[in-house]
């Protein structure tokens, strides 16, 4: 290994470490985004399920009132 290669070694290692840190950060950000997306979708599904249950209950109450008349 020549002297110029040895002198460039710290810079090369620094760039490699920076690249690793960037990829790790990007991966963590993507994981967080996917978790947030799933939580949002799960929340929407639960809201839709609750809305459907409320609508069914409202329809039953309406049918009971109609039957009483």
PDB file of N, CA and C in Angstrom:
ATOM      1  N   UNK A   1       0.857  -1.174   0.000  1.00  0.00           N
ATOM      2  CA  UNK A   1       0.000   0.000   0.000  1.00  0.00           C
ATOM      3  C   UNK A   1       0.902   1.235   0.000  1.00  0.00           C
ATOM      4  N   UNK A   2       0.579   2.170  -0.844  1.00  0.00           N
ATOM      5  CA  UNK A   2       1.395   3.387  -0.939  1.00  0.00           C
ATOM      6  C   UNK A   2       0.942   4.415   0.088  1.00  0.00           C
ATOM      7  N   UNK A   3       1.758   5.398   0.320  1.00  0.00           N
ATOM      8  CA  UNK A   3       1.478   6.425   1.321  1.00  0.00           C
ATOM      9  C   UNK A   3       0.193   7.183   1.002  1.00  0.00           C
ATOM     10  N   UNK A   4      -0.038   7.512  -0.256  1.00  0.00           N
ATOM     11  CA  UNK A   4      -1.264   8.244  -0.626  1.00  0.00           C
ATOM     12  C   UNK A   4      -2.511   7.407  -0.330  1.00  0.00           C
ATOM     13  N   UNK A   5      -2.409   6.097  -0.492  1.00  0.00           N
ATOM     14  CA  UNK A   5      -3.539   5.227  -0.186  1.00  0.00           C
ATOM     15  C   UNK A   5      -3.797   5.197   1.328  1.00  0.00           C
ATOM     16  N   UNK A   6      -2.727   5.183   2.091  1.00  0.00           N
ATOM     17  CA  UNK A   6      -2.859   5.179   3.553  1.00  0.00           C
ATOM     18  C   UNK A   6      -3.459   6.495   4.034  1.00  0.00           C
ATOM     19  N   UNK A   7      -3.052   7.607   3.414  1.00  0.00           N
ATOM     20  CA  UNK A   7      -3.590   8.912   3.805  1.00  0.00           C
ATOM     21  C   UNK A   7      -5.072   9.029   3.464  1.00  0.00           C
ATOM     22  N   UNK A   8      -5.490   8.380   2.374  1.00  0.00           N
ATOM     23  CA  UNK A   8      -6.898   8.424   1.968  1.00  0.00           C
ATOM     24  C   UNK A   8      -7.777   7.468   2.775  1.00  0.00           C
ATOM     25  N   UNK A   9      -7.167   6.553   3.486  1.00  0.00           N
ATOM     26  CA  UNK A   9      -7.914   5.550   4.231  1.00  0.00           C
ATOM     27  C   UNK A   9      -8.901   6.145   5.238  1.00  0.00           C
ATOM     28  N   UNK A  10      -8.526   7.118   6.083  1.00  0.00           N
ATOM     29  CA  UNK A  10      -9.506   7.689   7.022  1.00  0.00           C
ATOM     30  C   UNK A  10     -10.708   8.321   6.306  1.00  0.00           C
ATOM     31  N   UNK A  11     -10.452   8.988   5.189  1.00  0.00           N
ATOM     32  CA  UNK A  11     -11.561   9.596   4.444  1.00  0.00           C
ATOM     33  C   UNK A  11     -12.477   8.526   3.870  1.00  0.00           C
ATOM     34  N   UNK A  12     -11.867   7.461   3.355  1.00  0.00           N
ATOM     35  CA  UNK A  12     -12.657   6.379   2.783  1.00  0.00           C
ATOM     36  C   UNK A  12     -13.502   5.711   3.876  1.00  0.00           C
ATOM     37  N   UNK A  13     -12.901   5.455   5.032  1.00  0.00           N
ATOM     38  CA  UNK A  13     -13.635   4.849   6.142  1.00  0.00           C
ATOM     39  C   UNK A  13     -14.764   5.757   6.618  1.00  0.00           C
ATOM     40  N   UNK A  14     -14.492   7.053   6.660  1.00  0.00           N
ATOM     41  CA  UNK A  14     -15.507   8.016   7.070  1.00  0.00           C
ATOM     42  C   UNK A  14     -16.689   7.999   6.105  1.00  0.00           C
ATOM     43  N   UNK A  15     -16.410   7.975   4.796  1.00  0.00           N
ATOM     44  CA  UNK A  15     -17.476   7.914   3.793  1.00  0.00           C
ATOM     45  C   UNK A  15     -18.281   6.625   3.924  1.00  0.00           C
ATOM     46  N   UNK A  16     -17.563   5.508   4.161  1.00  0.00           N
ATOM     47  CA  UNK A  16     -18.263   4.231   4.319  1.00  0.00           C
ATOM     48  C   UNK A  16     -19.162   4.248   5.555  1.00  0.00           C
ATOM     49  N   UNK A  17     -18.655   4.765   6.645  1.00  0.00           N
ATOM     50  CA  UNK A  17     -19.457   4.851   7.872  1.00  0.00           C
ATOM     51  C   UNK A  17     -20.653   5.785   7.682  1.00  0.00           C
ATOM     52  N   UNK A  18     -20.426   6.883   6.994  1.00  0.00           N
ATOM     53  CA  UNK A  18     -21.533   7.814   6.723  1.00  0.00           C
ATOM     54  C   UNK A  18     -22.588   7.133   5.860  1.00  0.00           C
ATOM     55  N   UNK A  19     -22.128   6.359   4.876  1.00  0.00           N
ATOM     56  CA  UNK A  19     -23.067   5.617   4.021  1.00  0.00           C
ATOM     57  C   UNK A  19     -23.861   4.602   4.825  1.00  0.00           C
ATOM     58  N   UNK A  20     -23.184   3.878   5.711  1.00  0.00           N
ATOM     59  CA  UNK A  20     -23.878   2.910   6.570  1.00  0.00           C
ATOM     60  C   UNK A  20     -24.892   3.608   7.466  1.00  0.00           C
ATOM     61  N   UNK A  21     -24.488   4.721   8.046  1.00  0.00           N
ATOM     62  CA  UNK A  21     -25.401   5.468   8.925  1.00  0.00           C
ATOM     63  C   UNK A  21     -26.616   5.952   8.147  1.00  0.00           C
ATOM     64  N   UNK A  22     -26.393   6.435   6.930  1.00  0.00           N
ATOM     65  CA  UNK A  22     -27.506   6.908   6.102  1.00  0.00           C
ATOM     66  C   UNK A  22     -28.468   5.764   5.793  1.00  0.00           C
ATOM     67  N   UNK A  23     -27.925   4.604   5.404  1.00  0.00           N
ATOM     68  CA  UNK A  23     -28.784   3.459   5.075  1.00  0.00           C
ATOM     69  C   UNK A  23     -29.543   2.970   6.306  1.00  0.00           C
ATOM     70  N   UNK A  24     -28.876   2.958   7.446  1.00  0.00           N
ATOM     71  CA  UNK A  24     -29.528   2.544   8.684  1.00  0.00           C
ATOM     72  C   UNK A  24     -30.661   3.506   9.047  1.00  0.00           C
ATOM     73  N   UNK A  25     -30.405   4.791   8.923  1.00  0.00           N
ATOM     74  CA  UNK A  25     -31.433   5.793   9.206  1.00  0.00           C
ATOM     75  C   UNK A  25     -32.611   5.653   8.233  1.00  0.00           C
ATOM     76  N   UNK A  26     -32.310   5.442   6.956  1.00  0.00           N
ATOM     77  CA  UNK A  26     -33.374   5.283   5.958  1.00  0.00           C
ATOM     78  C   UNK A  26     -34.201   4.044   6.259  1.00  0.00           C
ATOM     79  N   UNK A  27     -33.543   2.971   6.651  1.00  0.00           N
ATOM     80  CA  UNK A  27     -34.252   1.740   6.983  1.00  0.00           C
ATOM     81  C   UNK A  27     -35.151   1.935   8.200  1.00  0.00           C
ATOM     82  N   UNK A  28     -34.636   2.604   9.214  1.00  0.00           N
ATOM     83  CA  UNK A  28     -35.435   2.870  10.419  1.00  0.00           C
ATOM     84  C   UNK A  28     -36.626   3.769  10.097  1.00  0.00           C
ATOM     85  N   UNK A  29     -36.400   4.757   9.252  1.00  0.00           N
ATOM     86  CA  UNK A  29     -37.497   5.651   8.863  1.00  0.00           C
ATOM     87  C   UNK A  29     -38.578   4.883   8.110  1.00  0.00           C
ATOM     88  N   UNK A  30     -38.151   3.980   7.227  1.00  0.00           N
ATOM     89  CA  UNK A  30     -39.120   3.185   6.471  1.00  0.00           C
ATOM     90  C   UNK A  30     -39.894   2.267   7.408  1.00  0.00           C
ATOM     91  N   UNK A  31     -39.206   1.658   8.379  1.00  0.00           N
ATOM     92  CA  UNK A  31     -39.894   0.800   9.344  1.00  0.00           C
ATOM     93  C   UNK A  31     -40.929   1.590  10.144  1.00  0.00           C
ATOM     94  N   UNK A  32     -40.553   2.790  10.582  1.00  0.00           N
ATOM     95  CA  UNK A  32     -41.490   3.623  11.337  1.00  0.00           C
ATOM     96  C   UNK A  32     -42.686   4.001  10.469  1.00  0.00           C
ATOM     97  N   UNK A  33     -42.437   4.338   9.213  1.00  0.00           N
ATOM     98  CA  UNK A  33     -43.517   4.723   8.304  1.00  0.00           C
ATOM     99  C   UNK A  33     -44.459   3.550   8.085  1.00  0.00           C
ATOM    100  N   UNK A  34     -43.902   2.353   7.879  1.00  0.00           N
ATOM    101  CA  UNK A  34     -44.745   1.179   7.666  1.00  0.00           C
ATOM    102  C   UNK A  34     -45.581   0.850   8.898  1.00  0.00           C
ATOM    103  N   UNK A  35     -44.990   0.995  10.079  1.00  0.00           N
ATOM    104  CA  UNK A  35     -45.736   0.761  11.318  1.00  0.00           C
ATOM    105  C   UNK A  35     -46.867   1.779  11.473  1.00  0.00           C
ATOM    106  N   UNK A  36     -46.577   3.025  11.180  1.00  0.00           N
ATOM    107  CA  UNK A  36     -47.597   4.077  11.279  1.00  0.00           C
ATOM    108  C   UNK A  36     -48.712   3.828  10.261  1.00  0.00           C
ATOM    109  N   UNK A  37     -48.339   3.404   9.067  1.00  0.00           N
ATOM    110  CA  UNK A  37     -49.335   3.124   8.021  1.00  0.00           C
ATOM    111  C   UNK A  37     -50.243   1.983   8.459  1.00  0.00           C
ATOM    112  N   UNK A  38     -49.643   0.915   8.997  1.00  0.00           N
ATOM    113  CA  UNK A  38     -50.433  -0.228   9.455  1.00  0.00           C
ATOM    114  C   UNK A  38     -51.360   0.177  10.591  1.00  0.00           C
ATOM    115  N   UNK A  39     -50.849   0.963  11.535  1.00  0.00           N
ATOM    116  CA  UNK A  39     -51.678   1.422  12.652  1.00  0.00           C
ATOM    117  C   UNK A  39     -52.843   2.257  12.139  1.00  0.00           C
ATOM    118  N   UNK A  40     -52.585   3.101  11.149  1.00  0.00           N
ATOM    119  CA  UNK A  40     -53.639   3.928  10.567  1.00  0.00           C
ATOM    120  C   UNK A  40     -54.688   3.051   9.885  1.00  0.00           C
ATOM    121  N   UNK A  41     -54.221   2.059   9.117  1.00  0.00           N
ATOM    122  CA  UNK A  41     -55.163   1.167   8.439  1.00  0.00           C
ATOM    123  C   UNK A  41     -55.973   0.363   9.440  1.00  0.00           C
ATOM    124  N   UNK A  42     -55.309  -0.118  10.505  1.00  0.00           N
ATOM    125  CA  UNK A  42     -56.024  -0.853  11.548  1.00  0.00           C
ATOM    126  C   UNK A  42     -57.072   0.034  12.214  1.00  0.00           C
ATOM    127  N   UNK A  43     -56.690   1.278  12.467  1.00  0.00           N
ATOM    128  CA  UNK A  43     -57.631   2.225  13.067  1.00  0.00           C
ATOM    129  C   UNK A  43     -58.828   2.485  12.176  1.00  0.00           C
ATOM    130  N   UNK A  44     -58.570   2.648  10.891  1.00  0.00           N
ATOM    131  CA  UNK A  44     -59.679   2.868   9.949  1.00  0.00           C
ATOM    132  C   UNK A  44     -60.598   1.660   9.893  1.00  0.00           C
ATOM    133  N   UNK A  45     -60.009   0.461   9.918  1.00  0.00           N
ATOM    134  CA  UNK A  45     -60.817  -0.758   9.891  1.00  0.00           C
ATOM    135  C   UNK A  45     -61.695  -0.842  11.133  1.00  0.00           C
ATOM    136  N   UNK A  46     -61.144  -0.476  12.295  1.00  0.00           N
ATOM    137  CA  UNK A  46     -61.922  -0.516  13.532  1.00  0.00           C
ATOM    138  C   UNK A  46     -63.038   0.512  13.513  1.00  0.00           C
ATOM    139  N   UNK A  47     -62.766   1.681  12.963  1.00  0.00           N
ATOM    140  CA  UNK A  47     -63.797   2.716  12.860  1.00  0.00           C
ATOM    141  C   UNK A  47     -64.906   2.246  11.919  1.00  0.00           C
ATOM    142  N   UNK A  48     -64.542   1.629  10.806  1.00  0.00           N
ATOM    143  CA  UNK A  48     -65.540   1.134   9.861  1.00  0.00           C
ATOM    144  C   UNK A  48     -66.385   0.033  10.503  1.00  0.00           C
ATOM    145  N   UNK A  49     -65.738  -0.842  11.265  1.00  0.00           N
ATOM    146  CA  UNK A  49     -66.452  -1.918  11.950  1.00  0.00           C
ATOM    147  C   UNK A  49     -67.422  -1.351  12.984  1.00  0.00           C
ATOM    148  N   UNK A  50     -66.972  -0.360  13.740  1.00  0.00           N
ATOM    149  CA  UNK A  50     -67.840   0.266  14.745  1.00  0.00           C
ATOM    150  C   UNK A  50     -69.005   0.987  14.073  1.00  0.00           C
ATOM    151  N   UNK A  51     -68.747   1.658  12.961  1.00  0.00           N
ATOM    152  CA  UNK A  51     -69.813   2.357  12.235  1.00  0.00           C
ATOM    153  C   UNK A  51     -70.868   1.380  11.739  1.00  0.00           C
ATOM    154  N   UNK A  52     -70.398   0.245  11.247  1.00  0.00           N
ATOM    155  CA  UNK A  52     -71.332  -0.779  10.758  1.00  0.00           C
ATOM    156  C   UNK A  52     -72.174  -1.305  11.913  1.00  0.00           C
ATOM    157  N   UNK A  53     -71.547  -1.560  13.078  1.00  0.00           N
ATOM    158  CA  UNK A  53     -72.285  -2.054  14.244  1.00  0.00           C
ATOM    159  C   UNK A  53     -73.315  -1.029  14.704  1.00  0.00           C
ATOM    160  N   UNK A  54     -72.947   0.229  14.690  1.00  0.00           N
ATOM    161  CA  UNK A  54     -73.879   1.296  15.081  1.00  0.00           C
ATOM    162  C   UNK A  54     -75.044   1.358  14.100  1.00  0.00           C
ATOM    163  N   UNK A  55     -74.752   1.215  12.816  1.00  0.00           N
ATOM    164  CA  UNK A  55     -75.815   1.256  11.803  1.00  0.00           C
ATOM    165  C   UNK A  55     -76.766   0.076  11.970  1.00  0.00           C
ATOM    166  N   UNK A  56     -76.225  -1.111  12.236  1.00  0.00           N
ATOM    167  CA  UNK A  56     -77.061  -2.296  12.453  1.00  0.00           C
ATOM    168  C   UNK A  56     -77.948  -2.079  13.675  1.00  0.00           C
ATOM    169  N   UNK A  57     -77.364  -1.555  14.746  1.00  0.00           N
ATOM    170  CA  UNK A  57     -78.131  -1.290  15.976  1.00  0.00           C
ATOM    171  C   UNK A  57     -79.227  -0.257  15.712  1.00  0.00           C
ATOM    172  N   UNK A  58     -78.892   0.775  14.947  1.00  0.00           N
ATOM    173  CA  UNK A  58     -79.889   1.806  14.615  1.00  0.00           C
ATOM    174  C   UNK A  58     -81.023   1.198  13.791  1.00  0.00           C
ATOM    175  N   UNK A  59     -80.684   0.328  12.860  1.00  0.00           N
ATOM    176  CA  UNK A  59     -81.718  -0.321  12.038  1.00  0.00           C
ATOM    177  C   UNK A  59     -82.607  -1.227  12.882  1.00  0.00           C
ATOM    178  N   UNK A  60     -82.009  -1.951  13.840  1.00  0.00           N
ATOM    179  CA  UNK A  60     -82.802  -2.799  14.730  1.00  0.00           C
ATOM    180  C   UNK A  60     -83.755  -1.960  15.575  1.00  0.00           C
ATOM    181  N   UNK A  61     -83.260  -0.849  16.105  1.00  0.00           N
ATOM    182  CA  UNK A  61     -84.114   0.028  16.918  1.00  0.00           C
ATOM    183  C   UNK A  61     -85.254   0.581  16.073  1.00  0.00           C
ATOM    184  N   UNK A  62     -84.948   0.932  14.857  1.00  0.00           N
ATOM    185  CA  UNK A  62     -85.973   1.470  13.952  1.00  0.00           C
ATOM    186  C   UNK A  62     -87.019   0.398  13.636  1.00  0.00           C
ATOM    187  N   UNK A  63     -86.563  -0.842  13.399  1.00  0.00           N
ATOM    188  CA  UNK A  63     -87.489  -1.944  13.117  1.00  0.00           C
ATOM    189  C   UNK A  63     -88.365  -2.257  14.324  1.00  0.00           C
ATOM    190  N   UNK A  64     -87.780  -2.176  15.544  1.00  0.00           N
ATOM    191  CA  UNK A  64     -88.550  -2.431  16.747  1.00  0.00           C
ATOM    192  C   UNK A  64     -89.621  -1.369  16.950  1.00  0.00           C
ATOM    193  N   UNK A  65     -89.279  -0.115  16.670  1.00  0.00           N
ATOM    194  CA  UNK A  65     -90.263   0.963  16.800  1.00  0.00           C
ATOM    195  C   UNK A  65     -91.375   0.795  15.783  1.00  0.00           C
ATOM    196  N   UNK A  66     -91.015   0.361  14.580  1.00  0.00           N
ATOM    197  CA  UNK A  66     -92.032   0.155  13.554  1.00  0.00           C
ATOM    198  C   UNK A  66     -92.947  -1.010  13.923  1.00  0.00           C
ATOM    199  N   UNK A  67     -92.393  -2.047  14.541  1.00  0.00           N
ATOM    200  CA  UNK A  67     -93.181  -3.221  14.921  1.00  0.00           C
ATOM    201  C   UNK A  67     -94.134  -2.883  16.065  1.00  0.00           C
ATOM    202  N   UNK A  68     -93.748  -1.964  16.936  1.00  0.00           N
ATOM    203  CA  UNK A  68     -94.582  -1.572  18.066  1.00  0.00           C
ATOM    204  C   UNK A  68     -95.802  -0.786  17.622  1.00  0.00           C
ATOM    205  N   UNK A  69     -95.728  -0.173  16.502  1.00  0.00           N
ATOM    206  CA  UNK A  69     -96.856   0.671  16.030  1.00  0.00           C
ATOM    207  C   UNK A  69     -97.907  -0.152  15.401  1.00  0.00           C
TER     208      UNK A  69
END
